[in-house]
Amino acid sequence: MGSKRLDTVADLVRHGLNAQVECRSCRRVVIIPASRLRDQCFAKSIPMKLALVAQHLRCSCGHRGAKIDATGTMIDRGS
């Protein structure tokens, strides 16, 4: 079993993972589909490196900056 190098949003998409985003201020955690995060990066011309994307994200509490981790958790779309 090997490990996967996950440095960019494209890496998450390629491996079928989602992004677990945690606010560094209020600790709110949200799971976002990596493809949606990729589309937002394209729309706002943000480089795809996870560290740079994390600096651009803004929480509903108003704080900018987050911690991004990869997760394989499925997202319930509320059929």
Protein backbone atom coordinates (compact mmCIF):
# COMPACT_ATOMS: atom_id res chain seq x y z
CA MET A 1 0.00 0.00 0.00
CA GLY A 2 1.45 3.34 -1.01
CA SER A 3 0.79 6.92 -0.11
CA LYS A 4 -0.61 9.60 -2.40
CA ARG A 5 1.01 12.97 -2.80
CA LEU A 6 -1.70 15.60 -2.39
CA ASP A 7 -0.32 19.09 -2.99
CA THR A 8 -2.95 20.59 -5.28
CA VAL A 9 -6.71 20.66 -5.69
CA ALA A 10 -6.21 18.75 -8.96
CA ASP A 11 -4.57 15.92 -6.96
CA LEU A 12 -7.71 15.62 -4.83
CA VAL A 13 -9.91 15.50 -7.93
CA ARG A 14 -7.65 12.93 -9.62
CA HIS A 15 -7.87 10.57 -6.63
CA GLY A 16 -11.61 11.06 -6.12
CA LEU A 17 -11.24 12.74 -2.72
CA ASN A 18 -13.08 15.65 -1.12
CA ALA A 19 -11.62 18.58 0.78
CA GLN A 20 -12.22 18.83 4.52
CA VAL A 21 -11.91 22.52 5.33
CA GLU A 22 -11.52 23.70 8.94
CA CYS A 23 -11.70 27.36 9.96
CA ARG A 24 -8.64 28.33 11.99
CA SER A 25 -10.75 30.70 14.11
CA CYS A 26 -14.08 29.05 15.01
CA ARG A 27 -13.04 25.46 14.08
CA ARG A 28 -16.08 24.93 11.84
CA VAL A 29 -15.53 21.95 9.54
CA VAL A 30 -17.06 21.65 6.07
CA ILE A 31 -16.56 18.92 3.47
CA ILE A 32 -16.43 20.33 -0.06
CA PRO A 33 -16.27 18.29 -3.27
CA ALA A 34 -12.79 18.78 -4.74
CA SER A 35 -14.29 19.43 -8.17
CA ARG A 36 -16.32 22.35 -6.78
CA LEU A 37 -13.21 23.75 -5.11
CA ARG A 38 -11.31 23.38 -8.41
CA ASP A 39 -14.05 25.25 -10.28
CA GLN A 40 -13.89 28.11 -7.75
CA CYS A 41 -10.11 28.30 -8.17
CA PHE A 42 -10.52 28.62 -11.93
CA ALA A 43 -13.28 31.22 -11.60
CA LYS A 44 -11.25 33.42 -9.22
CA SER A 45 -7.80 32.75 -10.76
CA ILE A 46 -6.44 31.25 -7.54
CA PRO A 47 -3.39 28.95 -7.90
CA MET A 48 -4.32 25.30 -7.25
CA LYS A 49 -1.76 24.65 -4.48
CA LEU A 50 -3.66 23.65 -1.32
CA ALA A 51 -1.64 26.03 0.88
CA LEU A 52 -2.56 29.00 -1.33
CA VAL A 53 -6.21 27.99 -1.63
CA ALA A 54 -6.44 27.74 2.18
CA GLN A 55 -5.35 31.39 2.52
CA HIS A 56 -8.17 32.54 0.20
CA LEU A 57 -11.05 30.68 1.82
CA ARG A 58 -13.38 32.64 4.09
CA CYS A 59 -15.55 31.10 6.81
CA SER A 60 -19.11 32.16 7.58
CA CYS A 61 -17.71 33.64 10.83
CA GLY A 62 -15.78 36.10 8.63
CA HIS A 63 -12.28 34.74 9.25
CA ARG A 64 -10.02 34.24 6.23
CA GLY A 65 -7.66 31.27 6.25
CA ALA A 66 -8.34 27.60 6.77
CA LYS A 67 -6.77 24.18 7.11
CA ILE A 68 -7.45 21.82 4.20
CA ASP A 69 -7.21 18.04 4.52
CA ALA A 70 -8.21 15.29 2.10
CA THR A 71 -11.09 13.03 3.00
CA GLY A 72 -12.78 10.14 1.24
CA THR A 73 -16.05 10.86 3.04
CA MET A 74 -19.07 10.78 0.77
CA ILE A 75 -21.30 13.85 0.73
CA ASP A 76 -25.04 13.32 1.18
CA ARG A 77 -26.76 15.28 -1.57
CA GLY A 78 -30.17 15.06 0.13
CA SER A 79 -31.84 13.06 -2.67
